[in-house]
């Protein structure tokens, strides 16, 4: 059944007055996310990961959602190309990297002495709370999806602003 969730995207962008290498260090330090995010309350690299970030490295995150639900997730880095791309997937209960619940990506581009940061969320084919809610309430599917994407965009923007301690350029 096509529920319209897989492939749904939320994306934000801002230009910050920081060099690209500094922004790279900020967005790839997953432990800092909890200090900046309205939703993610904890994140940490799993023990024994060696040098991070790198493709294949794993970290755990814990989110508290507006409903009060708390969820934990295992994440796997899929791309870590310093200083331009940092991407990871959030695994669902099946733990299949090829069928994640979501895909997250930072893309960084130099703009003179500044850096353009794009942060993108893409809903994967895996099971998530959003997908479950839509399956349980198909009559509200469109509104539920649009509301969640709006919350994600707001949270992603807030997280970026706190991480880089800058305003949109």
C-alpha atoms as a PDB file:
ATOM      1  CA  UNK A   1       0.000   0.000   0.000  1.00  0.00           C
ATOM      2  CA  UNK A   2       1.374   3.417  -0.970  1.00  0.00           C
ATOM      3  CA  UNK A   3       0.685   5.631   2.021  1.00  0.00           C
ATOM      4  CA  UNK A   4       2.504   8.650   0.606  1.00  0.00           C
ATOM      5  CA  UNK A   5       5.055   8.642   3.415  1.00  0.00           C
ATOM      6  CA  UNK A   6       8.102   7.077   1.751  1.00  0.00           C
ATOM      7  CA  UNK A   7      10.088   9.831   0.104  1.00  0.00           C
ATOM      8  CA  UNK A   8       8.434  12.674   2.015  1.00  0.00           C
ATOM      9  CA  UNK A   9      11.027  15.422   2.509  1.00  0.00           C
ATOM     10  CA  UNK A  10      11.692  18.257   4.916  1.00  0.00           C
ATOM     11  CA  UNK A  11      14.661  20.476   4.143  1.00  0.00           C
ATOM     12  CA  UNK A  12      16.135  23.638   5.597  1.00  0.00           C
ATOM     13  CA  UNK A  13      19.040  25.793   4.536  1.00  0.00           C
ATOM     14  CA  UNK A  14      21.025  28.632   5.986  1.00  0.00           C
ATOM     15  CA  UNK A  15      24.277  30.467   5.405  1.00  0.00           C
ATOM     16  CA  UNK A  16      26.532  30.851   8.414  1.00  0.00           C
ATOM     17  CA  UNK A  17      29.560  33.065   8.926  1.00  0.00           C
ATOM     18  CA  UNK A  18      31.834  30.157   9.786  1.00  0.00           C
ATOM     19  CA  UNK A  19      34.412  28.290   7.706  1.00  0.00           C
ATOM     20  CA  UNK A  20      33.260  24.978   6.259  1.00  0.00           C
ATOM     21  CA  UNK A  21      35.665  22.885   8.368  1.00  0.00           C
ATOM     22  CA  UNK A  22      34.259  24.389  11.559  1.00  0.00           C
ATOM     23  CA  UNK A  23      30.677  23.751  10.453  1.00  0.00           C
ATOM     24  CA  UNK A  24      31.657  20.172   9.547  1.00  0.00           C
ATOM     25  CA  UNK A  25      32.951  19.613  13.068  1.00  0.00           C
ATOM     26  CA  UNK A  26      29.748  21.003  14.555  1.00  0.00           C
ATOM     27  CA  UNK A  27      27.270  18.956  12.502  1.00  0.00           C
ATOM     28  CA  UNK A  28      29.215  15.694  12.779  1.00  0.00           C
ATOM     29  CA  UNK A  29      29.522  15.846  16.565  1.00  0.00           C
ATOM     30  CA  UNK A  30      26.303  13.911  17.198  1.00  0.00           C
ATOM     31  CA  UNK A  31      26.538  14.436  20.955  1.00  0.00           C
ATOM     32  CA  UNK A  32      25.989  18.186  20.426  1.00  0.00           C
ATOM     33  CA  UNK A  33      22.663  17.606  18.708  1.00  0.00           C
ATOM     34  CA  UNK A  34      20.880  17.021  22.008  1.00  0.00           C
ATOM     35  CA  UNK A  35      22.035  20.445  23.229  1.00  0.00           C
ATOM     36  CA  UNK A  36      20.583  22.110  20.151  1.00  0.00           C
ATOM     37  CA  UNK A  37      17.493  20.136  19.132  1.00  0.00           C
ATOM     38  CA  UNK A  38      13.937  20.676  20.342  1.00  0.00           C
ATOM     39  CA  UNK A  39      13.241  16.949  19.830  1.00  0.00           C
ATOM     40  CA  UNK A  40      16.492  14.971  20.157  1.00  0.00           C
ATOM     41  CA  UNK A  41      17.369  14.788  23.849  1.00  0.00           C
ATOM     42  CA  UNK A  42      20.395  12.480  23.629  1.00  0.00           C
ATOM     43  CA  UNK A  43      22.808  11.170  21.010  1.00  0.00           C
ATOM     44  CA  UNK A  44      26.119   9.371  21.329  1.00  0.00           C
ATOM     45  CA  UNK A  45      28.468   7.284  19.250  1.00  0.00           C
ATOM     46  CA  UNK A  46      28.347   3.615  20.138  1.00  0.00           C
ATOM     47  CA  UNK A  47      31.407   2.278  21.968  1.00  0.00           C
ATOM     48  CA  UNK A  48      34.233   0.923  19.825  1.00  0.00           C
ATOM     49  CA  UNK A  49      33.452   3.024  16.736  1.00  0.00           C
ATOM     50  CA  UNK A  50      37.036   4.207  16.287  1.00  0.00           C
ATOM     51  CA  UNK A  51      37.497   7.387  14.276  1.00  0.00           C
ATOM     52  CA  UNK A  52      34.165   9.047  13.666  1.00  0.00           C
ATOM     53  CA  UNK A  53      32.450  10.233  11.652  1.00  0.00           C
ATOM     54  CA  UNK A  54      32.900   7.580   8.986  1.00  0.00           C
ATOM     55  CA  UNK A  55      30.590   5.491   6.834  1.00  0.00           C
ATOM     56  CA  UNK A  56      29.385   2.478   8.797  1.00  0.00           C
ATOM     57  CA  UNK A  57      29.801   4.094  12.221  1.00  0.00           C
ATOM     58  CA  UNK A  58      26.801   3.794  14.527  1.00  0.00           C
ATOM     59  CA  UNK A  59      25.261   6.070  17.094  1.00  0.00           C
ATOM     60  CA  UNK A  60      22.166   6.014  19.253  1.00  0.00           C
ATOM     61  CA  UNK A  61      19.647   8.792  19.613  1.00  0.00           C
ATOM     62  CA  UNK A  62      16.717   9.443  21.893  1.00  0.00           C
ATOM     63  CA  UNK A  63      13.859  11.762  20.970  1.00  0.00           C
ATOM     64  CA  UNK A  64      10.964  13.171  22.917  1.00  0.00           C
ATOM     65  CA  UNK A  65       8.063  13.966  20.612  1.00  0.00           C
ATOM     66  CA  UNK A  66       5.417  16.680  21.106  1.00  0.00           C
ATOM     67  CA  UNK A  67       2.938  13.964  22.141  1.00  0.00           C
ATOM     68  CA  UNK A  68       5.242  13.069  25.033  1.00  0.00           C
ATOM     69  CA  UNK A  69       6.294   9.763  23.481  1.00  0.00           C
ATOM     70  CA  UNK A  70       9.987   8.981  23.946  1.00  0.00           C
ATOM     71  CA  UNK A  71      11.707   6.876  21.314  1.00  0.00           C
ATOM     72  CA  UNK A  72      15.214   5.556  20.869  1.00  0.00           C
ATOM     73  CA  UNK A  73      16.868   4.698  17.605  1.00  0.00           C
ATOM     74  CA  UNK A  74      20.049   3.214  16.233  1.00  0.00           C
ATOM     75  CA  UNK A  75      21.596   5.270  13.457  1.00  0.00           C
ATOM     76  CA  UNK A  76      24.165   4.262  10.843  1.00  0.00           C
ATOM     77  CA  UNK A  77      26.366   6.751   8.999  1.00  0.00           C
ATOM     78  CA  UNK A  78      26.032   6.194   5.253  1.00  0.00           C
ATOM     79  CA  UNK A  79      28.317   8.974   4.052  1.00  0.00           C
ATOM     80  CA  UNK A  80      31.003  11.069   5.700  1.00  0.00           C
ATOM     81  CA  UNK A  81      32.856  13.050   3.043  1.00  0.00           C
ATOM     82  CA  UNK A  82      34.734  15.782   4.889  1.00  0.00           C
ATOM     83  CA  UNK A  83      33.977  18.672   4.648  1.00  0.00           C
ATOM     84  CA  UNK A  84      30.889  18.483   2.450  1.00  0.00           C
ATOM     85  CA  UNK A  85      28.495  15.599   3.258  1.00  0.00           C
ATOM     86  CA  UNK A  86      27.396  13.868   6.439  1.00  0.00           C
ATOM     87  CA  UNK A  87      24.476  11.438   6.106  1.00  0.00           C
ATOM     88  CA  UNK A  88      22.928   8.697   8.194  1.00  0.00           C
ATOM     89  CA  UNK A  89      19.888   6.456   8.373  1.00  0.00           C
ATOM     90  CA  UNK A  90      17.640   5.770  11.339  1.00  0.00           C
ATOM     91  CA  UNK A  91      16.920   2.085  11.620  1.00  0.00           C
ATOM     92  CA  UNK A  92      13.487   0.713  12.412  1.00  0.00           C
ATOM     93  CA  UNK A  93      12.819  -2.485  14.378  1.00  0.00           C
ATOM     94  CA  UNK A  94      13.959  -4.625  11.386  1.00  0.00           C
ATOM     95  CA  UNK A  95      17.449  -3.026  11.575  1.00  0.00           C
ATOM     96  CA  UNK A  96      17.779  -3.054   7.755  1.00  0.00           C
ATOM     97  CA  UNK A  97      20.096  -0.256   6.588  1.00  0.00           C
ATOM     98  CA  UNK A  98      18.544  -0.511   3.104  1.00  0.00           C
ATOM     99  CA  UNK A  99      15.009   0.023   4.476  1.00  0.00           C
ATOM    100  CA  UNK A 100      15.430   2.670   7.174  1.00  0.00           C
ATOM    101  CA  UNK A 101      12.734   4.665   8.871  1.00  0.00           C
ATOM    102  CA  UNK A 102      14.418   7.869   7.766  1.00  0.00           C
ATOM    103  CA  UNK A 103      17.426   9.295   5.991  1.00  0.00           C
ATOM    104  CA  UNK A 104      19.174  12.433   7.232  1.00  0.00           C
ATOM    105  CA  UNK A 105      21.773  14.479   5.361  1.00  0.00           C
ATOM    106  CA  UNK A 106      23.879  17.593   5.859  1.00  0.00           C
ATOM    107  CA  UNK A 107      25.388  19.135   2.746  1.00  0.00           C
ATOM    108  CA  UNK A 108      27.936  21.924   3.221  1.00  0.00           C
ATOM    109  CA  UNK A 109      29.174  24.319   0.528  1.00  0.00           C
ATOM    110  CA  UNK A 110      31.747  27.096   0.788  1.00  0.00           C
ATOM    111  CA  UNK A 111      30.449  30.564   0.031  1.00  0.00           C
ATOM    112  CA  UNK A 112      33.448  32.823   0.358  1.00  0.00           C
ATOM    113  CA  UNK A 113      34.307  32.811   4.063  1.00  0.00           C
ATOM    114  CA  UNK A 114      30.853  31.511   4.929  1.00  0.00           C
ATOM    115  CA  UNK A 115      29.204  28.101   4.607  1.00  0.00           C
ATOM    116  CA  UNK A 116      25.833  27.185   3.123  1.00  0.00           C
ATOM    117  CA  UNK A 117      24.305  24.384   5.191  1.00  0.00           C
ATOM    118  CA  UNK A 118      21.472  22.223   3.867  1.00  0.00           C
ATOM    119  CA  UNK A 119      19.851  19.790   6.259  1.00  0.00           C
ATOM    120  CA  UNK A 120      17.486  17.261   4.731  1.00  0.00           C
ATOM    121  CA  UNK A 121      15.158  14.622   6.141  1.00  0.00           C
ATOM    122  CA  UNK A 122      13.676  11.975   3.844  1.00  0.00           C
ATOM    123  CA  UNK A 123      11.188   9.443   5.140  1.00  0.00           C
ATOM    124  CA  UNK A 124      12.345   5.946   4.291  1.00  0.00           C
ATOM    125  CA  UNK A 125      10.354   2.824   3.580  1.00  0.00           C
ATOM    126  CA  UNK A 126      10.787   1.487   7.127  1.00  0.00           C
ATOM    127  CA  UNK A 127       8.259   1.652   9.943  1.00  0.00           C
ATOM    128  CA  UNK A 128       8.039   4.852  11.965  1.00  0.00           C
ATOM    129  CA  UNK A 129       5.559   6.455  14.302  1.00  0.00           C
ATOM    130  CA  UNK A 130       4.432   8.720  11.460  1.00  0.00           C
ATOM    131  CA  UNK A 131       3.735   5.774   9.182  1.00  0.00           C
ATOM    132  CA  UNK A 132       1.903   3.912  11.957  1.00  0.00           C
ATOM    133  CA  UNK A 133      -0.234   6.969  12.736  1.00  0.00           C
ATOM    134  CA  UNK A 134      -1.166   7.375   9.083  1.00  0.00           C
ATOM    135  CA  UNK A 135      -2.024   3.685   8.777  1.00  0.00           C
ATOM    136  CA  UNK A 136      -4.191   3.908  11.900  1.00  0.00           C
ATOM    137  CA  UNK A 137      -5.921   7.118  10.765  1.00  0.00           C
ATOM    138  CA  UNK A 138      -5.949   7.182   6.937  1.00  0.00           C
ATOM    139  CA  UNK A 139      -8.646   9.872   6.944  1.00  0.00           C
ATOM    140  CA  UNK A 140      -6.088  12.281   8.458  1.00  0.00           C
ATOM    141  CA  UNK A 141      -3.073  11.095   6.421  1.00  0.00           C
ATOM    142  CA  UNK A 142      -2.392  14.279   4.464  1.00  0.00           C
ATOM    143  CA  UNK A 143      -2.751  16.588   7.465  1.00  0.00           C
ATOM    144  CA  UNK A 144      -0.675  14.275   9.666  1.00  0.00           C
ATOM    145  CA  UNK A 145       2.142  14.162   7.116  1.00  0.00           C
ATOM    146  CA  UNK A 146       2.094  17.921   6.476  1.00  0.00           C
ATOM    147  CA  UNK A 147       2.063  18.653  10.213  1.00  0.00           C
ATOM    148  CA  UNK A 148       5.010  16.346  10.879  1.00  0.00           C
ATOM    149  CA  UNK A 149       7.058  17.787   8.026  1.00  0.00           C
ATOM    150  CA  UNK A 150       6.363  21.320   9.310  1.00  0.00           C
ATOM    151  CA  UNK A 151       7.514  20.311  12.818  1.00  0.00           C
ATOM    152  CA  UNK A 152      10.636  18.709  11.356  1.00  0.00           C
ATOM    153  CA  UNK A 153      11.493  21.850   9.363  1.00  0.00           C
ATOM    154  CA  UNK A 154      11.033  24.035  12.442  1.00  0.00           C
ATOM    155  CA  UNK A 155      13.125  21.695  14.610  1.00  0.00           C
ATOM    156  CA  UNK A 156      15.848  21.360  11.982  1.00  0.00           C
ATOM    157  CA  UNK A 157      16.076  25.153  11.635  1.00  0.00           C
ATOM    158  CA  UNK A 158      16.224  25.613  15.397  1.00  0.00           C
ATOM    159  CA  UNK A 159      18.884  22.922  15.726  1.00  0.00           C
ATOM    160  CA  UNK A 160      21.080  24.482  13.045  1.00  0.00           C
ATOM    161  CA  UNK A 161      20.791  27.943  14.548  1.00  0.00           C
ATOM    162  CA  UNK A 162      21.825  26.694  17.975  1.00  0.00           C
ATOM    163  CA  UNK A 163      24.626  24.492  16.614  1.00  0.00           C
ATOM    164  CA  UNK A 164      26.242  27.315  14.729  1.00  0.00           C
ATOM    165  CA  UNK A 165      25.002  30.123  17.002  1.00  0.00           C
ATOM    166  CA  UNK A 166      24.183  32.189  13.966  1.00  0.00           C
ATOM    167  CA  UNK A 167      21.100  33.554  12.240  1.00  0.00           C
ATOM    168  CA  UNK A 168      19.984  32.882   8.700  1.00  0.00           C
ATOM    169  CA  UNK A 169      22.184  34.730   6.223  1.00  0.00           C
END
